Amino acid sequence: MSSVKDQFRYLVSQSETQIGSSKLRQDSKKFQDLLIHNIAQFLELKTVVYSRLALFSDNESLEDLSTASMPLLSIDFHLAWLISRKQAVQLQDSKDRNVVRLKFLRKAVQVYMQFLVSLQNYEILETGFAKKLDRIENVYEPKLEELYSQPSDAKDLTSAHLKRQQKIEVYQQNKENEAQIKLLDLKYNENSSNDEVLRDLQKAQLRQTAYRAINEIEQVLYEIELLSNFVASPETPPNFEANLESKDPLAYTEKVEALNTPLISKAGKVLRNFTLVDNKSRMKQKVFGYGQYGPTMSVEEFLENEFESGRVLQGGEEPTPEQDEDNEEWQDRETYKAREWDEFKEANARGSGNTLNRG
């Protein structure tokens, strides 16, 4: 009979192969069935570790924890990682699927945080991460803004810079931890009987998993925020776009008052401003809109900009005026032109040009 530690290693390897490296679509039934199977196995293992064997207790410190039990602290991380990929593919309505998806995501965040709290209780978690947990109002329901320190003044515009700086610090700490893992791994390979080195190695590996958990939590919270807005938004009625078009004061209209005044006079003078809008620009405005009407320009300003940009063709031949066929002078000129052309064709027969290269 395999030990609990061996079962844990097997389940981690299996989940990475069947789920992490899977080429199946995550919304396919086959993928979700594999996911459910892996989740059930991890839940069964967690029941054995925490309830039946009672390997962990809130009253003990890291020194009281056995070396063989330390890797099992990451069961919650792997369980949360699997739960975050769960979808309700059996539901037909997209809104219902998103509602169920939100429940799985929130549960995943809760289990991720449970993993971090357990590391904090055993004083394995990095000091910076431990302080983060202390700042969170509801530790099992964190908010995006609580993951990183924010300026005290809400109007302060340096929050983005501050967040970026904290991410750089976390990245550097992660790299240092990776280097420590490599060093401890070499030491342990040289002397596998050294229990102290093994414990330090497992502590560093748990910290490495904590870095992954923070990144996963951030990504899941972003998805929760997006889906929450989508679920909360009212359904769009079928004729919504048509109503929107009809309410647009700049759109085409067949109202009589819009046709009373012509745009341009016979002399070419612009009588009133208008906006040149085609279907492509309409679609673009819907995607990259201001959220309000942007400034427009008159036709004179538009043409002036086109001339300055060199996008207007100018010059060319003047149009040939129509000639009166009863004009004798014009008839004489045309007759002389025709005679000169006939004489030229007789003096220069077709194909009598460059004959130097003929064989």
Protein backbone atom coordinates (compact mmCIF):
# COMPACT_ATOMS: atom_id res chain seq x y z
CA MET A 1 0.00 0.00 0.00
CA SER A 2 1.48 3.35 -1.06
CA SER A 3 2.03 6.12 1.46
CA VAL A 4 0.06 9.37 1.52
CA LYS A 5 3.11 11.22 0.22
CA ASP A 6 3.39 8.85 -2.76
CA GLN A 7 -0.32 9.28 -3.52
CA PHE A 8 0.12 13.05 -3.43
CA ARG A 9 3.04 12.94 -5.87
CA TYR A 10 1.06 10.68 -8.19
CA LEU A 11 -1.97 13.00 -8.18
CA VAL A 12 0.19 16.08 -8.86
CA SER A 13 1.85 14.33 -11.81
CA GLN A 14 -1.51 13.10 -13.09
CA SER A 15 -3.15 16.54 -12.93
CA GLU A 16 -0.22 18.17 -14.73
CA THR A 17 -0.46 15.55 -17.50
CA GLN A 18 -4.23 15.27 -17.88
CA ILE A 19 -5.14 18.91 -17.19
CA GLY A 20 -2.07 21.15 -17.44
CA SER A 21 -0.70 19.59 -20.66
CA SER A 22 -4.06 18.64 -22.16
CA LYS A 23 -4.78 19.60 -25.77
CA LEU A 24 -8.53 19.36 -25.19
CA ARG A 25 -10.73 22.45 -25.10
CA GLN A 26 -11.47 23.46 -21.52
CA ASP A 27 -15.16 23.79 -22.33
CA SER A 28 -15.35 20.24 -23.75
CA LYS A 29 -17.18 17.52 -21.83
CA LYS A 30 -14.17 15.17 -21.94
CA PHE A 31 -11.87 17.78 -20.37
CA GLN A 32 -14.42 18.63 -17.67
CA ASP A 33 -14.92 14.93 -16.87
CA LEU A 34 -11.15 14.53 -16.37
CA LEU A 35 -11.18 17.66 -14.23
CA ILE A 36 -13.96 16.31 -12.00
CA HIS A 37 -12.07 13.02 -11.61
CA ASN A 38 -8.88 14.83 -10.50
CA ILE A 39 -10.76 17.13 -8.11
CA ALA A 40 -12.49 14.14 -6.50
CA GLN A 41 -9.15 12.38 -5.95
CA PHE A 42 -7.57 15.46 -4.34
CA LEU A 43 -10.61 15.94 -2.11
CA GLU A 44 -10.37 12.33 -0.99
CA LEU A 45 -6.66 12.75 -0.25
CA LYS A 46 -7.33 15.96 1.69
CA THR A 47 -9.93 14.16 3.81
CA VAL A 48 -7.38 11.48 4.65
CA VAL A 49 -4.62 13.97 5.49
CA TYR A 50 -6.64 16.48 7.53
CA SER A 51 -9.38 14.35 9.09
CA ARG A 52 -8.40 10.71 9.24
CA LEU A 53 -4.66 11.11 9.89
CA ALA A 54 -4.83 14.65 11.34
CA LEU A 55 -1.32 15.46 10.11
CA PHE A 56 -1.79 19.22 10.62
CA SER A 57 -2.97 21.15 13.65
CA ASP A 58 -3.45 24.85 14.39
CA ASN A 59 -1.69 24.40 17.72
CA GLU A 60 1.64 23.15 16.34
CA SER A 61 4.62 25.04 14.94
CA LEU A 62 6.87 24.20 12.01
CA GLU A 63 9.28 22.37 14.33
CA ASP A 64 6.44 20.03 15.33
CA LEU A 65 5.67 19.19 11.71
CA SER A 66 7.31 16.06 10.30
CA THR A 67 9.55 16.42 7.25
CA ALA A 68 7.48 13.91 5.25
CA SER A 69 4.28 15.89 5.86
CA MET A 70 5.57 19.29 4.68
CA PRO A 71 4.88 18.82 0.92
CA LEU A 72 1.26 17.91 1.74
CA LEU A 73 0.64 21.53 2.76
CA SER A 74 0.30 22.34 -0.96
CA ILE A 75 -2.74 20.07 -1.45
CA ASP A 76 -4.98 23.16 -1.29
CA PHE A 77 -2.96 24.89 -4.01
CA HIS A 78 -3.39 22.02 -6.48
CA LEU A 79 -7.06 21.67 -5.55
CA ALA A 80 -7.69 25.39 -6.13
CA TRP A 81 -5.81 25.24 -9.43
CA LEU A 82 -8.18 22.49 -10.62
CA ILE A 83 -11.34 24.19 -9.33
CA SER A 84 -10.45 27.42 -11.17
CA ARG A 85 -10.80 25.53 -14.47
CA LYS A 86 -14.23 24.08 -13.75
CA GLN A 87 -17.09 25.07 -16.07
CA ALA A 88 -20.77 24.15 -16.29
CA VAL A 89 -20.71 22.89 -19.87
CA GLN A 90 -24.03 21.07 -19.44
CA LEU A 91 -25.95 24.37 -19.26
CA GLN A 92 -27.23 25.83 -22.52
CA ASP A 93 -27.74 29.45 -21.48
CA SER A 94 -24.49 31.45 -21.47
CA LYS A 95 -25.58 33.64 -18.55
CA ASP A 96 -26.35 30.58 -16.42
CA ARG A 97 -22.93 29.14 -17.30
CA ASN A 98 -21.26 32.37 -16.24
CA VAL A 99 -23.14 32.40 -12.92
CA VAL A 100 -21.93 28.87 -12.12
CA ARG A 101 -18.45 29.74 -13.38
CA LEU A 102 -18.34 32.63 -10.90
CA LYS A 103 -19.12 30.26 -8.04
CA PHE A 104 -16.24 27.97 -9.01
CA LEU A 105 -13.84 30.92 -9.33
CA ARG A 106 -14.77 32.30 -5.91
CA LYS A 107 -14.33 28.85 -4.41
CA ALA A 108 -10.90 28.58 -6.07
CA VAL A 109 -9.83 31.92 -4.53
CA GLN A 110 -11.03 30.73 -1.13
CA VAL A 111 -8.96 27.52 -1.36
CA TYR A 112 -5.90 29.43 -2.66
CA MET A 113 -6.13 31.76 0.34
CA GLN A 114 -6.55 28.76 2.63
CA PHE A 115 -3.22 27.47 1.34
CA LEU A 116 -1.49 30.82 1.99
CA VAL A 117 -2.98 31.08 5.48
CA SER A 118 -1.69 27.61 6.36
CA LEU A 119 1.83 28.65 5.26
CA GLN A 120 1.49 31.81 7.32
CA ASN A 121 0.47 29.80 10.40
CA TYR A 122 3.63 27.69 10.09
CA GLU A 123 5.72 30.85 9.43
CA ILE A 124 6.80 29.54 6.03
CA LEU A 125 5.32 32.42 4.05
CA GLU A 126 7.56 35.34 3.05
CA THR A 127 7.27 38.35 5.35
CA GLY A 128 5.92 40.54 2.53
CA PHE A 129 3.17 38.06 1.70
CA ALA A 130 2.31 37.63 5.38
CA LYS A 131 1.80 41.40 5.68
CA LYS A 132 -0.41 41.30 2.58
CA LEU A 133 -2.69 38.76 4.23
CA ASP A 134 -2.92 40.90 7.36
CA ARG A 135 -4.05 43.90 5.29
CA ILE A 136 -6.91 42.01 3.61
CA GLU A 137 -10.22 42.75 5.31
CA ASN A 138 -11.81 39.37 4.52
CA VAL A 139 -8.91 36.99 3.99
CA TYR A 140 -10.99 34.40 2.11
CA GLU A 141 -12.58 36.99 -0.19
CA PRO A 142 -9.72 39.31 -1.23
CA LYS A 143 -10.15 42.18 -3.66
CA LEU A 144 -7.81 43.10 -6.49
CA GLU A 145 -6.81 46.40 -4.89
CA GLU A 146 -5.91 44.58 -1.65
CA LEU A 147 -3.21 42.45 -3.29
CA TYR A 148 -0.90 45.46 -3.64
CA SER A 149 -0.30 48.48 -1.41
CA GLN A 150 -2.29 51.53 -2.51
CA PRO A 151 -1.62 55.26 -1.90
CA SER A 152 -3.45 56.67 1.11
CA ASP A 153 -4.98 59.41 -1.05
CA ALA A 154 -7.53 58.06 -3.53
CA LYS A 155 -6.69 60.90 -5.95
CA ASP A 156 -3.02 59.96 -6.02
CA LEU A 157 -2.04 58.91 -9.57
CA THR A 158 1.04 56.93 -8.52
CA SER A 159 -0.91 53.72 -7.76
CA ALA A 160 0.04 52.14 -11.12
CA HIS A 161 3.73 52.91 -10.56
CA LEU A 162 3.52 51.59 -6.99
CA LYS A 163 1.89 48.36 -8.16
CA ARG A 164 4.52 47.89 -10.84
CA GLN A 165 7.30 48.43 -8.30
CA GLN A 166 5.80 45.82 -5.97
CA LYS A 167 5.52 43.32 -8.83
CA ILE A 168 9.20 43.85 -9.64
CA GLU A 169 10.12 43.21 -6.01
CA VAL A 170 8.05 40.00 -5.96
CA TYR A 171 9.71 38.88 -9.19
CA GLN A 172 13.18 39.48 -7.74
CA GLN A 173 12.28 37.59 -4.56
CA ASN A 174 10.98 34.73 -6.68
CA LYS A 175 14.26 34.57 -8.61
CA GLU A 176 16.26 34.54 -5.37
CA ASN A 177 14.06 31.73 -4.07
CA GLU A 178 14.60 29.73 -7.28
CA ALA A 179 18.36 30.09 -6.88
CA GLN A 180 18.08 28.92 -3.27
CA ILE A 181 16.09 25.84 -4.38
CA LYS A 182 18.79 24.88 -6.88
CA LEU A 183 21.51 25.28 -4.26
CA LEU A 184 19.63 23.24 -1.64
CA ASP A 185 18.80 20.58 -4.20
CA LEU A 186 22.51 20.16 -4.98
CA LYS A 187 23.33 19.91 -1.28
CA TYR A 188 20.62 17.31 -0.72
CA ASN A 189 21.80 15.21 -3.67
CA GLU A 190 25.29 15.18 -2.17
CA ASN A 191 23.98 14.06 1.23
CA SER A 192 20.41 12.72 1.15
CA SER A 193 20.53 11.80 4.84
CA ASN A 194 20.71 15.45 5.94
CA ASP A 195 17.18 16.13 7.23
CA GLU A 196 17.83 19.82 7.90
CA VAL A 197 18.76 20.47 4.26
CA LEU A 198 15.65 18.57 3.11
CA ARG A 199 13.39 20.69 5.35
CA ASP A 200 14.97 23.91 4.04
CA LEU A 201 14.47 22.65 0.49
CA GLN A 202 10.81 21.86 1.10
CA LYS A 203 10.25 25.25 2.75
CA ALA A 204 11.73 26.98 -0.31
CA GLN A 205 9.53 24.87 -2.60
CA LEU A 206 6.43 25.83 -0.61
CA ARG A 207 7.41 29.51 -0.92
CA GLN A 208 7.77 28.98 -4.66
CA THR A 209 4.24 27.56 -4.74
CA ALA A 210 3.05 30.61 -2.78
CA TYR A 211 4.37 32.89 -5.55
CA ARG A 212 2.37 30.86 -8.06
CA ALA A 213 -0.72 31.09 -5.84
CA ILE A 214 -0.52 34.91 -5.71
CA ASN A 215 -0.33 35.11 -9.51
CA GLU A 216 -3.21 32.67 -9.92
CA ILE A 217 -5.35 34.61 -7.42
CA GLU A 218 -4.75 37.85 -9.32
CA GLN A 219 -5.77 36.27 -12.64
CA VAL A 220 -8.87 34.67 -11.13
CA LEU A 221 -9.93 37.97 -9.51
CA TYR A 222 -9.66 39.70 -12.88
CA GLU A 223 -11.93 37.05 -14.41
CA ILE A 224 -14.37 37.35 -11.50
CA GLU A 225 -14.58 41.12 -12.01
CA LEU A 226 -15.19 40.68 -15.75
CA LEU A 227 -17.84 37.97 -15.36
CA SER A 228 -19.58 39.86 -12.53
CA ASN A 229 -20.07 42.87 -14.80
CA PHE A 230 -21.28 40.63 -17.60
CA VAL A 231 -23.78 38.76 -15.42
CA ALA A 232 -25.05 41.97 -13.80
CA SER A 233 -25.62 43.75 -17.13
CA PRO A 234 -29.22 43.55 -18.47
CA GLU A 235 -29.86 41.48 -21.54
CA THR A 236 -29.76 43.45 -24.80
CA PRO A 237 -33.19 43.56 -26.51
CA PRO A 238 -33.27 42.42 -30.16
CA ASN A 239 -34.12 45.91 -31.49
CA PHE A 240 -31.59 47.69 -29.25
CA GLU A 241 -29.21 48.55 -32.09
CA ALA A 242 -32.07 49.82 -34.26
CA ASN A 243 -33.32 52.08 -31.46
CA LEU A 244 -29.79 53.32 -30.84
CA GLU A 245 -29.35 54.19 -34.51
CA SER A 246 -32.68 56.06 -34.58
CA LYS A 247 -31.67 58.17 -31.54
CA ASP A 248 -28.35 59.22 -33.05
CA PRO A 249 -28.70 62.89 -34.05
CA LEU A 250 -25.80 62.55 -36.49
CA ALA A 251 -27.27 59.53 -38.26
CA TYR A 252 -29.09 59.51 -41.59
CA THR A 253 -32.72 60.52 -41.31
CA GLU A 254 -35.67 60.85 -43.66
CA LYS A 255 -37.34 63.63 -41.69
CA VAL A 256 -38.61 66.47 -43.86
CA GLU A 257 -36.88 69.22 -41.88
CA ALA A 258 -33.50 67.63 -42.64
CA LEU A 259 -34.15 67.96 -46.38
CA ASN A 260 -35.42 71.55 -46.51
CA THR A 261 -32.03 73.22 -46.79
CA PRO A 262 -29.52 72.02 -49.42
CA LEU A 263 -25.96 71.29 -48.31
CA ILE A 264 -24.18 73.08 -51.18
CA SER A 265 -25.33 75.89 -53.45
CA LYS A 266 -25.07 75.75 -57.24
CA ALA A 267 -21.93 77.91 -57.03
CA GLY A 268 -20.26 75.32 -54.76
CA LYS A 269 -20.59 77.22 -51.48
CA VAL A 270 -21.30 75.15 -48.37
CA LEU A 271 -24.61 76.29 -46.89
CA ARG A 272 -24.49 74.21 -43.68
CA ASN A 273 -22.04 71.89 -42.00
CA PHE A 274 -22.42 68.15 -42.30
CA THR A 275 -20.49 65.07 -41.22
CA LEU A 276 -19.17 62.53 -43.71
CA VAL A 277 -19.86 59.12 -42.16
CA ASP A 278 -19.65 55.71 -43.84
CA ASN A 279 -20.50 52.30 -42.47
CA LYS A 280 -16.86 51.46 -41.66
CA SER A 281 -16.38 54.59 -39.56
CA ARG A 282 -19.65 53.86 -37.73
CA MET A 283 -18.42 50.42 -36.73
CA LYS A 284 -15.08 51.88 -35.65
CA GLN A 285 -16.78 54.48 -33.47
CA LYS A 286 -18.74 51.75 -31.70
CA VAL A 287 -15.50 50.00 -30.75
CA PHE A 288 -13.20 52.94 -30.10
CA GLY A 289 -15.80 55.52 -29.15
CA TYR A 290 -15.33 58.47 -26.83
CA GLY A 291 -18.42 57.61 -24.81
CA GLN A 292 -19.62 61.04 -26.02
CA TYR A 293 -19.66 62.91 -29.31
CA GLY A 294 -16.23 64.04 -30.44
CA PRO A 295 -15.53 67.33 -32.24
CA THR A 296 -16.47 67.64 -35.93
CA MET A 297 -15.15 69.94 -38.65
CA SER A 298 -16.66 71.90 -41.49
CA VAL A 299 -16.20 70.80 -45.09
CA GLU A 300 -13.93 73.80 -45.73
CA GLU A 301 -11.67 72.72 -42.84
CA PHE A 302 -11.70 69.14 -44.10
CA LEU A 303 -10.69 70.16 -47.64
CA GLU A 304 -8.05 72.54 -46.29
CA ASN A 305 -6.50 69.68 -44.28
CA GLU A 306 -6.60 67.43 -47.35
CA PHE A 307 -4.81 70.05 -49.47
CA GLU A 308 -2.17 70.60 -46.75
CA SER A 309 -1.59 66.85 -46.45
CA GLY A 310 -1.14 66.51 -50.22
CA ARG A 311 -3.95 63.99 -50.55
CA VAL A 312 -5.82 65.96 -53.25
CA LEU A 313 -4.79 65.47 -56.89
CA GLN A 314 -4.20 68.78 -58.68
CA GLY A 315 -3.17 69.91 -62.18
CA GLY A 316 -3.76 67.76 -65.24
CA GLU A 317 -4.81 68.80 -68.74
CA GLU A 318 -7.39 71.50 -69.25
CA PRO A 319 -10.62 70.19 -70.73
CA THR A 320 -10.69 70.57 -74.56
CA PRO A 321 -13.32 73.12 -75.60
CA GLU A 322 -15.96 71.93 -78.04
CA GLN A 323 -15.33 73.21 -81.62
CA ASP A 324 -17.85 74.50 -84.09
CA GLU A 325 -17.66 72.30 -87.21
CA ASP A 326 -18.86 75.22 -89.36
CA ASN A 327 -15.70 77.19 -88.47
CA GLU A 328 -13.56 77.24 -91.69
CA GLU A 329 -10.29 78.01 -89.86
CA TRP A 330 -10.74 75.03 -87.55
CA GLN A 331 -11.57 72.79 -90.56
CA ASP A 332 -8.41 73.95 -92.41
CA ARG A 333 -6.22 73.19 -89.34
CA GLU A 334 -7.67 69.73 -88.97
CA THR A 335 -7.20 69.06 -92.72
CA TYR A 336 -3.51 70.08 -92.62
CA LYS A 337 -2.96 67.88 -89.52
CA ALA A 338 -4.47 64.89 -91.29
CA ARG A 339 -2.31 65.43 -94.43
CA GLU A 340 0.88 65.72 -92.35
CA TRP A 341 0.05 62.50 -90.55
CA ASP A 342 -0.59 60.66 -93.84
CA GLU A 343 2.73 61.90 -95.30
CA PHE A 344 4.58 60.77 -92.16
CA LYS A 345 3.07 57.28 -92.36
CA GLU A 346 4.04 56.96 -96.06
CA ALA A 347 7.63 58.04 -95.35
CA ASN A 348 7.97 55.74 -92.34
CA ALA A 349 6.52 52.34 -93.11
CA ARG A 350 5.55 50.06 -90.22
CA GLY A 351 8.55 48.02 -88.98
CA SER A 352 11.18 50.26 -90.61
CA GLY A 353 12.57 51.50 -87.31
CA ASN A 354 15.60 49.82 -85.66
CA THR A 355 16.83 47.17 -88.16
CA LEU A 356 20.46 46.98 -87.00
CA ASN A 357 20.04 43.77 -85.01
CA ARG A 358 18.34 41.75 -87.70
CA GLY A 359 20.14 38.56 -88.72
